[in-house]
Amino acid sequence: MDINAYSDYINTPWGRMFYRLAWHGLEFKNKKILDFGSGLGVTSNHLAKSNDVTAVEPNSELIEHGRSENNYKQLLGGIEKLKEMPENSFDVIVCHNVLEYIENRAEVFEEFYRLLKIGGILSVIKHNKKGKIMHKAVFENNIGEALSLINGENPVSQNFGTINEYDIEQLNAYIAGKFALEKVSGIRIFYGLQPNSFKNEAGWEEKMFELECAVENDPEFANTAFFQHLFFKKI
């Protein structure tokens, strides 16, 4: 993994846009929050401004280079750390762009269910294959890879390896009787298709944020987004 390249991405206008949209709908205060797969701690650090946050991340290098301006508890590890925590520990669990790299998704969801309080919120951000195909064909002009994705191949992340994508229907086996899907929002509906040169123009971030938010909950737009943000409630 190229930590410097990943960190540089976060500080680009399009990197900042992703996190602004990811945090849209996560305006919590005085909640106990678990961030599973916390990476560089960008979201943990943000949420820790107003909440009691515990972050779990298996990559020690990411933790070492992570953000910690705000106080949160950082743990090194994976699902074994969740198993050590008492049930009903959290009001909110955040799991963003993580499940694509986990084989034991069912077990992870069992732990999420155990750890969340009744009525608690589970925030999942996932890759969306339709949006990935649009990006490959339009932004990258990589028609060969777009066709490969259509034919069922999984894409590869430069930093994290093979992205084992899944759709919302595949989550039904994990959530049945445990979670209710409250909302599906699209992230990176428009801005990922624009040339990066546009994104450095004055005022671009605010205008694009407004545009993305205007249609994020429209199912037709959400179905074409690069990422989808799923909000579940424990029942």
C-alpha atoms as a PDB file:
ATOM      1  CA  MET A   1       0.000   0.000   0.000  1.00  0.00           C
ATOM      2  CA  ASP A   2       1.190   3.498  -0.883  1.00  0.00           C
ATOM      3  CA  ILE A   3       0.211   5.401   2.266  1.00  0.00           C
ATOM      4  CA  ASN A   4       1.441   8.721   0.901  1.00  0.00           C
ATOM      5  CA  ALA A   5      -0.646   8.404  -2.277  1.00  0.00           C
ATOM      6  CA  TYR A   6      -3.709   7.470  -0.227  1.00  0.00           C
ATOM      7  CA  SER A   7      -3.158  10.409   2.111  1.00  0.00           C
ATOM      8  CA  ASP A   8      -2.645  12.743  -0.862  1.00  0.00           C
ATOM      9  CA  TYR A   9      -5.959  11.584  -2.343  1.00  0.00           C
ATOM     10  CA  ILE A  10      -7.801  12.505   0.848  1.00  0.00           C
ATOM     11  CA  ASN A  11      -6.551  16.071   0.516  1.00  0.00           C
ATOM     12  CA  THR A  12      -7.658  16.527  -3.103  1.00  0.00           C
ATOM     13  CA  PRO A  13     -10.964  18.300  -3.848  1.00  0.00           C
ATOM     14  CA  TRP A  14     -12.486  14.966  -4.957  1.00  0.00           C
ATOM     15  CA  GLY A  15     -11.142  13.199  -1.866  1.00  0.00           C
ATOM     16  CA  ARG A  16     -12.626  15.853   0.399  1.00  0.00           C
ATOM     17  CA  MET A  17     -15.900  15.594  -1.515  1.00  0.00           C
ATOM     18  CA  PHE A  18     -16.156  11.857  -0.821  1.00  0.00           C
ATOM     19  CA  TYR A  19     -15.798  12.363   2.915  1.00  0.00           C
ATOM     20  CA  ARG A  20     -18.200  15.307   3.020  1.00  0.00           C
ATOM     21  CA  LEU A  21     -20.831  13.166   1.323  1.00  0.00           C
ATOM     22  CA  ALA A  22     -20.001  10.122   3.477  1.00  0.00           C
ATOM     23  CA  TRP A  23     -20.529  12.205   6.614  1.00  0.00           C
ATOM     24  CA  HIS A  24     -23.789  13.623   5.275  1.00  0.00           C
ATOM     25  CA  GLY A  25     -26.417  11.905   7.381  1.00  0.00           C
ATOM     26  CA  LEU A  26     -23.972  11.099  10.200  1.00  0.00           C
ATOM     27  CA  GLU A  27     -24.599  14.268  12.198  1.00  0.00           C
ATOM     28  CA  PHE A  28     -24.492  12.595  15.618  1.00  0.00           C
ATOM     29  CA  LYS A  29     -23.771  14.111  19.025  1.00  0.00           C
ATOM     30  CA  ASN A  30     -22.990  12.421  22.321  1.00  0.00           C
ATOM     31  CA  LYS A  31     -23.255   8.937  20.837  1.00  0.00           C
ATOM     32  CA  LYS A  32     -21.083   5.881  21.312  1.00  0.00           C
ATOM     33  CA  ILE A  33     -19.776   5.016  17.855  1.00  0.00           C
ATOM     34  CA  LEU A  34     -17.758   2.094  16.470  1.00  0.00           C
ATOM     35  CA  ASP A  35     -15.780   2.635  13.257  1.00  0.00           C
ATOM     36  CA  PHE A  36     -14.899  -0.816  11.915  1.00  0.00           C
ATOM     37  CA  GLY A  37     -12.131  -0.742   9.331  1.00  0.00           C
ATOM     38  CA  SER A  38     -11.161   2.801  10.252  1.00  0.00           C
ATOM     39  CA  GLY A  39      -8.206   3.132   7.865  1.00  0.00           C
ATOM     40  CA  LEU A  40      -6.375   6.408   8.377  1.00  0.00           C
ATOM     41  CA  GLY A  41      -8.978   7.448  10.936  1.00  0.00           C
ATOM     42  CA  VAL A  42     -10.442  10.253   8.843  1.00  0.00           C
ATOM     43  CA  THR A  43     -14.045   9.440   9.736  1.00  0.00           C
ATOM     44  CA  SER A  44     -13.204   8.460  13.324  1.00  0.00           C
ATOM     45  CA  ASN A  45     -11.408  11.754  13.799  1.00  0.00           C
ATOM     46  CA  HIS A  46     -14.359  13.688  12.365  1.00  0.00           C
ATOM     47  CA  LEU A  47     -16.995  11.913  14.457  1.00  0.00           C
ATOM     48  CA  ALA A  48     -14.867  12.216  17.606  1.00  0.00           C
ATOM     49  CA  LYS A  49     -15.490  15.979  17.627  1.00  0.00           C
ATOM     50  CA  SER A  50     -18.894  15.344  19.201  1.00  0.00           C
ATOM     51  CA  ASN A  51     -18.984  11.632  20.079  1.00  0.00           C
ATOM     52  CA  ASP A  52     -17.263   8.813  21.975  1.00  0.00           C
ATOM     53  CA  VAL A  53     -15.592   6.857  19.148  1.00  0.00           C
ATOM     54  CA  THR A  54     -13.843   3.478  19.120  1.00  0.00           C
ATOM     55  CA  ALA A  55     -11.944   2.652  15.907  1.00  0.00           C
ATOM     56  CA  VAL A  56     -10.862  -0.846  14.831  1.00  0.00           C
ATOM     57  CA  GLU A  57      -8.306  -1.295  12.037  1.00  0.00           C
ATOM     58  CA  PRO A  58      -6.172  -4.377  11.154  1.00  0.00           C
ATOM     59  CA  ASN A  59      -3.418  -2.464   9.308  1.00  0.00           C
ATOM     60  CA  SER A  60      -0.845  -1.057  11.750  1.00  0.00           C
ATOM     61  CA  GLU A  61       0.713   1.129   9.048  1.00  0.00           C
ATOM     62  CA  LEU A  62      -2.588   2.914   8.464  1.00  0.00           C
ATOM     63  CA  ILE A  63      -2.957   3.483  12.195  1.00  0.00           C
ATOM     64  CA  GLU A  64       0.579   4.826  12.446  1.00  0.00           C
ATOM     65  CA  HIS A  65      -0.126   7.436   9.759  1.00  0.00           C
ATOM     66  CA  GLY A  66      -3.695   8.124  10.862  1.00  0.00           C
ATOM     67  CA  ARG A  67      -5.425  11.302  11.896  1.00  0.00           C
ATOM     68  CA  SER A  68      -5.968  11.926  15.571  1.00  0.00           C
ATOM     69  CA  GLU A  69      -6.563  15.625  16.141  1.00  0.00           C
ATOM     70  CA  ASN A  70      -9.679  14.647  18.098  1.00  0.00           C
ATOM     71  CA  ASN A  71      -9.598  12.069  20.847  1.00  0.00           C
ATOM     72  CA  TYR A  72     -10.825   8.572  19.985  1.00  0.00           C
ATOM     73  CA  LYS A  73      -9.872   5.034  21.031  1.00  0.00           C
ATOM     74  CA  GLN A  74      -7.891   3.176  18.353  1.00  0.00           C
ATOM     75  CA  LEU A  75      -7.608  -0.628  18.396  1.00  0.00           C
ATOM     76  CA  LEU A  76      -5.390  -2.765  16.165  1.00  0.00           C
ATOM     77  CA  GLY A  77      -7.197  -5.848  14.879  1.00  0.00           C
ATOM     78  CA  GLY A  78     -10.321  -7.154  13.181  1.00  0.00           C
ATOM     79  CA  ILE A  79     -13.412  -9.126  14.138  1.00  0.00           C
ATOM     80  CA  GLU A  80     -11.636 -10.636  17.139  1.00  0.00           C
ATOM     81  CA  LYS A  81     -11.678  -7.161  18.709  1.00  0.00           C
ATOM     82  CA  LEU A  82     -15.435  -6.964  18.232  1.00  0.00           C
ATOM     83  CA  LYS A  83     -15.872 -10.290  20.013  1.00  0.00           C
ATOM     84  CA  GLU A  84     -14.123  -8.854  23.074  1.00  0.00           C
ATOM     85  CA  MET A  85     -16.676  -6.035  23.442  1.00  0.00           C
ATOM     86  CA  PRO A  86     -19.861  -6.338  25.515  1.00  0.00           C
ATOM     87  CA  GLU A  87     -23.218  -6.479  23.736  1.00  0.00           C
ATOM     88  CA  ASN A  88     -25.305  -3.329  23.274  1.00  0.00           C
ATOM     89  CA  SER A  89     -22.169  -1.197  23.457  1.00  0.00           C
ATOM     90  CA  PHE A  90     -22.843   1.282  20.643  1.00  0.00           C
ATOM     91  CA  ASP A  91     -25.472   3.650  19.335  1.00  0.00           C
ATOM     92  CA  VAL A  92     -23.910   3.768  15.866  1.00  0.00           C
ATOM     93  CA  ILE A  93     -21.606   1.485  13.874  1.00  0.00           C
ATOM     94  CA  VAL A  94     -19.775   2.788  10.804  1.00  0.00           C
ATOM     95  CA  CYS A  95     -18.353   0.376   8.203  1.00  0.00           C
ATOM     96  CA  HIS A  96     -17.265   2.239   5.078  1.00  0.00           C
ATOM     97  CA  ASN A  97     -15.752   0.477   2.041  1.00  0.00           C
ATOM     98  CA  VAL A  98     -14.671  -2.483   4.172  1.00  0.00           C
ATOM     99  CA  LEU A  99     -16.991  -5.422   3.480  1.00  0.00           C
ATOM    100  CA  GLU A 100     -15.578  -5.792  -0.049  1.00  0.00           C
ATOM    101  CA  TYR A 101     -12.347  -7.083   1.516  1.00  0.00           C
ATOM    102  CA  ILE A 102     -13.887  -9.401   4.141  1.00  0.00           C
ATOM    103  CA  GLU A 103     -14.728 -13.056   3.542  1.00  0.00           C
ATOM    104  CA  ASN A 104     -16.752 -13.657   6.717  1.00  0.00           C
ATOM    105  CA  ARG A 105     -19.419 -10.979   6.167  1.00  0.00           C
ATOM    106  CA  ALA A 106     -22.137 -13.001   7.907  1.00  0.00           C
ATOM    107  CA  GLU A 107     -20.026 -13.251  11.066  1.00  0.00           C
ATOM    108  CA  VAL A 108     -19.274  -9.525  10.969  1.00  0.00           C
ATOM    109  CA  PHE A 109     -22.976  -8.699  10.734  1.00  0.00           C
ATOM    110  CA  GLU A 110     -23.666 -10.995  13.690  1.00  0.00           C
ATOM    111  CA  GLU A 111     -21.197  -8.965  15.731  1.00  0.00           C
ATOM    112  CA  PHE A 112     -22.676  -5.679  14.522  1.00  0.00           C
ATOM    113  CA  TYR A 113     -26.097  -6.880  15.631  1.00  0.00           C
ATOM    114  CA  ARG A 114     -24.780  -7.966  19.023  1.00  0.00           C
ATOM    115  CA  LEU A 115     -22.926  -4.720  19.640  1.00  0.00           C
ATOM    116  CA  LEU A 116     -25.625  -2.282  18.543  1.00  0.00           C
ATOM    117  CA  LYS A 117     -28.325  -1.123  20.895  1.00  0.00           C
ATOM    118  CA  ILE A 118     -31.940  -1.627  19.820  1.00  0.00           C
ATOM    119  CA  GLY A 119     -32.758   1.155  17.388  1.00  0.00           C
ATOM    120  CA  GLY A 120     -29.063   1.743  16.749  1.00  0.00           C
ATOM    121  CA  ILE A 121     -27.809   2.816  13.319  1.00  0.00           C
ATOM    122  CA  LEU A 122     -25.456   0.833  11.063  1.00  0.00           C
ATOM    123  CA  SER A 123     -23.846   2.949   8.332  1.00  0.00           C
ATOM    124  CA  VAL A 124     -22.394   0.929   5.442  1.00  0.00           C
ATOM    125  CA  ILE A 125     -20.755   2.414   2.352  1.00  0.00           C
ATOM    126  CA  LYS A 126     -20.256  -0.025  -0.510  1.00  0.00           C
ATOM    127  CA  HIS A 127     -18.871   0.016  -4.032  1.00  0.00           C
ATOM    128  CA  ASN A 128     -21.526  -0.027  -6.745  1.00  0.00           C
ATOM    129  CA  LYS A 129     -20.651  -1.965  -9.902  1.00  0.00           C
ATOM    130  CA  LYS A 130     -22.884   0.107 -12.180  1.00  0.00           C
ATOM    131  CA  GLY A 131     -21.149   3.264 -11.044  1.00  0.00           C
ATOM    132  CA  LYS A 132     -17.752   1.619 -11.485  1.00  0.00           C
ATOM    133  CA  ILE A 133     -18.631   0.682 -15.067  1.00  0.00           C
ATOM    134  CA  MET A 134     -19.700   4.273 -15.784  1.00  0.00           C
ATOM    135  CA  HIS A 135     -16.416   5.556 -14.345  1.00  0.00           C
ATOM    136  CA  LYS A 136     -14.287   3.149 -16.384  1.00  0.00           C
ATOM    137  CA  ALA A 137     -16.101   3.929 -19.638  1.00  0.00           C
ATOM    138  CA  VAL A 138     -16.504   7.716 -19.245  1.00  0.00           C
ATOM    139  CA  PHE A 139     -13.820   9.144 -16.946  1.00  0.00           C
ATOM    140  CA  GLU A 140     -11.025   6.673 -17.711  1.00  0.00           C
ATOM    141  CA  ASN A 141     -12.113   5.862 -21.284  1.00  0.00           C
ATOM    142  CA  ASN A 142     -11.174   2.278 -20.418  1.00  0.00           C
ATOM    143  CA  ILE A 143     -13.792   0.408 -22.401  1.00  0.00           C
ATOM    144  CA  GLY A 144     -11.998  -2.935 -22.015  1.00  0.00           C
ATOM    145  CA  GLU A 145     -12.212  -2.838 -18.224  1.00  0.00           C
ATOM    146  CA  ALA A 146     -15.806  -1.634 -18.388  1.00  0.00           C
ATOM    147  CA  LEU A 147     -16.679  -4.693 -20.469  1.00  0.00           C
ATOM    148  CA  SER A 148     -14.769  -6.935 -18.040  1.00  0.00           C
ATOM    149  CA  LEU A 149     -16.862  -5.606 -15.158  1.00  0.00           C
ATOM    150  CA  ILE A 150     -20.060  -6.170 -17.133  1.00  0.00           C
ATOM    151  CA  ASN A 151     -18.917  -9.749 -17.721  1.00  0.00           C
ATOM    152  CA  GLY A 152     -18.597 -10.367 -13.993  1.00  0.00           C
ATOM    153  CA  GLU A 153     -14.928  -9.693 -13.209  1.00  0.00           C
ATOM    154  CA  ASN A 154     -14.089  -7.911  -9.948  1.00  0.00           C
ATOM    155  CA  PRO A 155     -12.107  -4.675 -10.078  1.00  0.00           C
ATOM    156  CA  VAL A 156      -8.807  -4.223  -8.245  1.00  0.00           C
ATOM    157  CA  SER A 157      -7.898  -1.392  -5.889  1.00  0.00           C
ATOM    158  CA  GLN A 158      -4.336  -0.113  -6.127  1.00  0.00           C
ATOM    159  CA  ASN A 159      -4.109   0.071  -2.343  1.00  0.00           C
ATOM    160  CA  PHE A 160      -6.405  -2.695  -1.093  1.00  0.00           C
ATOM    161  CA  GLY A 161      -6.387  -5.444  -3.723  1.00  0.00           C
ATOM    162  CA  THR A 162      -9.371  -7.233  -5.278  1.00  0.00           C
ATOM    163  CA  ILE A 163     -12.708  -5.550  -4.611  1.00  0.00           C
ATOM    164  CA  ASN A 164     -15.236  -8.341  -4.027  1.00  0.00           C
ATOM    165  CA  GLU A 165     -18.310  -6.325  -4.822  1.00  0.00           C
ATOM    166  CA  TYR A 166     -21.780  -7.250  -3.592  1.00  0.00           C
ATOM    167  CA  ASP A 167     -25.263  -5.885  -4.121  1.00  0.00           C
ATOM    168  CA  ILE A 168     -27.897  -4.938  -1.605  1.00  0.00           C
ATOM    169  CA  GLU A 169     -29.846  -8.152  -2.226  1.00  0.00           C
ATOM    170  CA  GLN A 170     -26.840 -10.185  -1.075  1.00  0.00           C
ATOM    171  CA  LEU A 171     -27.053  -8.512   2.325  1.00  0.00           C
ATOM    172  CA  ASN A 172     -30.584  -9.790   2.931  1.00  0.00           C
ATOM    173  CA  ALA A 173     -29.306 -13.082   4.358  1.00  0.00           C
ATOM    174  CA  TYR A 174     -27.302 -11.166   6.977  1.00  0.00           C
ATOM    175  CA  ILE A 175     -29.931  -8.587   7.957  1.00  0.00           C
ATOM    176  CA  ALA A 176     -33.179 -10.595   7.891  1.00  0.00           C
ATOM    177  CA  GLY A 177     -34.955 -10.205  11.212  1.00  0.00           C
ATOM    178  CA  LYS A 178     -32.087  -8.154  12.597  1.00  0.00           C
ATOM    179  CA  PHE A 179     -31.847  -4.891  10.655  1.00  0.00           C
ATOM    180  CA  ALA A 180     -34.244  -2.746   8.642  1.00  0.00           C
ATOM    181  CA  LEU A 181     -32.814  -0.925   5.623  1.00  0.00           C
ATOM    182  CA  GLU A 182     -33.866   2.673   6.218  1.00  0.00           C
ATOM    183  CA  LYS A 183     -32.269   4.506   3.294  1.00  0.00           C
ATOM    184  CA  VAL A 184     -29.956   4.124   0.297  1.00  0.00           C
ATOM    185  CA  SER A 185     -28.027   7.217  -0.809  1.00  0.00           C
ATOM    186  CA  GLY A 186     -25.705   7.662  -3.762  1.00  0.00           C
ATOM    187  CA  ILE A 187     -22.168   9.041  -3.365  1.00  0.00           C
ATOM    188  CA  ARG A 188     -20.064  10.193  -6.318  1.00  0.00           C
ATOM    189  CA  ILE A 189     -22.980  10.350  -8.711  1.00  0.00           C
ATOM    190  CA  PHE A 190     -21.569  13.172 -10.832  1.00  0.00           C
ATOM    191  CA  TYR A 191     -18.157  14.336  -9.704  1.00  0.00           C
ATOM    192  CA  GLY A 192     -16.300  11.119 -10.511  1.00  0.00           C
ATOM    193  CA  LEU A 193     -17.249  11.511 -14.170  1.00  0.00           C
ATOM    194  CA  GLN A 194     -15.769  15.002 -14.504  1.00  0.00           C
ATOM    195  CA  PRO A 195     -12.170  15.793 -15.509  1.00  0.00           C
ATOM    196  CA  ASN A 196     -10.101  16.530 -12.396  1.00  0.00           C
ATOM    197  CA  SER A 197      -9.157  19.933 -13.825  1.00  0.00           C
ATOM    198  CA  PHE A 198     -12.728  21.112 -13.217  1.00  0.00           C
ATOM    199  CA  LYS A 199     -12.459  20.187  -9.548  1.00  0.00           C
ATOM    200  CA  ASN A 200      -9.771  22.771  -8.803  1.00  0.00           C
ATOM    201  CA  GLU A 201     -11.933  25.670  -9.960  1.00  0.00           C
ATOM    202  CA  ALA A 202     -13.055  28.206  -7.359  1.00  0.00           C
ATOM    203  CA  GLY A 203     -16.409  27.284  -5.849  1.00  0.00           C
ATOM    204  CA  TRP A 204     -16.479  23.798  -7.337  1.00  0.00           C
ATOM    205  CA  GLU A 205     -16.674  21.945  -4.026  1.00  0.00           C
ATOM    206  CA  GLU A 206     -19.695  23.817  -2.678  1.00  0.00           C
ATOM    207  CA  LYS A 207     -21.629  23.676  -5.935  1.00  0.00           C
ATOM    208  CA  MET A 208     -20.923  19.988  -6.465  1.00  0.00           C
ATOM    209  CA  PHE A 209     -21.775  19.126  -2.867  1.00  0.00           C
ATOM    210  CA  GLU A 210     -25.147  20.842  -3.313  1.00  0.00           C
ATOM    211  CA  LEU A 211     -25.750  19.004  -6.603  1.00  0.00           C
ATOM    212  CA  GLU A 212     -24.853  15.582  -5.190  1.00  0.00           C
ATOM    213  CA  CYS A 213     -27.027  16.117  -2.127  1.00  0.00           C
ATOM    214  CA  ALA A 214     -29.959  17.237  -4.281  1.00  0.00           C
ATOM    215  CA  VAL A 215     -30.326  13.780  -5.853  1.00  0.00           C
ATOM    216  CA  GLU A 216     -28.517  11.422  -3.453  1.00  0.00           C
ATOM    217  CA  ASN A 217     -31.756   9.764  -2.295  1.00  0.00           C
ATOM    218  CA  ASP A 218     -33.290   9.423  -5.754  1.00  0.00           C
ATOM    219  CA  PRO A 219     -33.144   5.648  -6.493  1.00  0.00           C
ATOM    220  CA  GLU A 220     -32.394   6.151 -10.190  1.00  0.00           C
ATOM    221  CA  PHE A 221     -29.389   8.348  -9.422  1.00  0.00           C
ATOM    222  CA  ALA A 222     -28.279   6.179  -6.475  1.00  0.00           C
ATOM    223  CA  ASN A 223     -28.246   3.149  -8.782  1.00  0.00           C
ATOM    224  CA  THR A 224     -25.621   4.828 -10.993  1.00  0.00           C
ATOM    225  CA  ALA A 225     -23.436   6.214  -8.165  1.00  0.00           C
ATOM    226  CA  PHE A 226     -19.872   4.971  -7.704  1.00  0.00           C
ATOM    227  CA  PHE A 227     -20.656   4.302  -4.021  1.00  0.00           C
ATOM    228  CA  GLN A 228     -23.892   3.605  -2.176  1.00  0.00           C
ATOM    229  CA  HIS A 229     -24.478   4.611   1.430  1.00  0.00           C
ATOM    230  CA  LEU A 230     -26.795   2.209   3.261  1.00  0.00           C
ATOM    231  CA  PHE A 231     -28.430   3.151   6.556  1.00  0.00           C
ATOM    232  CA  PHE A 232     -29.731   0.236   8.648  1.00  0.00           C
ATOM    233  CA  LYS A 233     -31.571   0.269  11.975  1.00  0.00           C
ATOM    234  CA  LYS A 234     -31.361  -2.581  14.483  1.00  0.00           C
ATOM    235  CA  ILE A 235     -34.835  -4.019  15.098  1.00  0.00           C
END
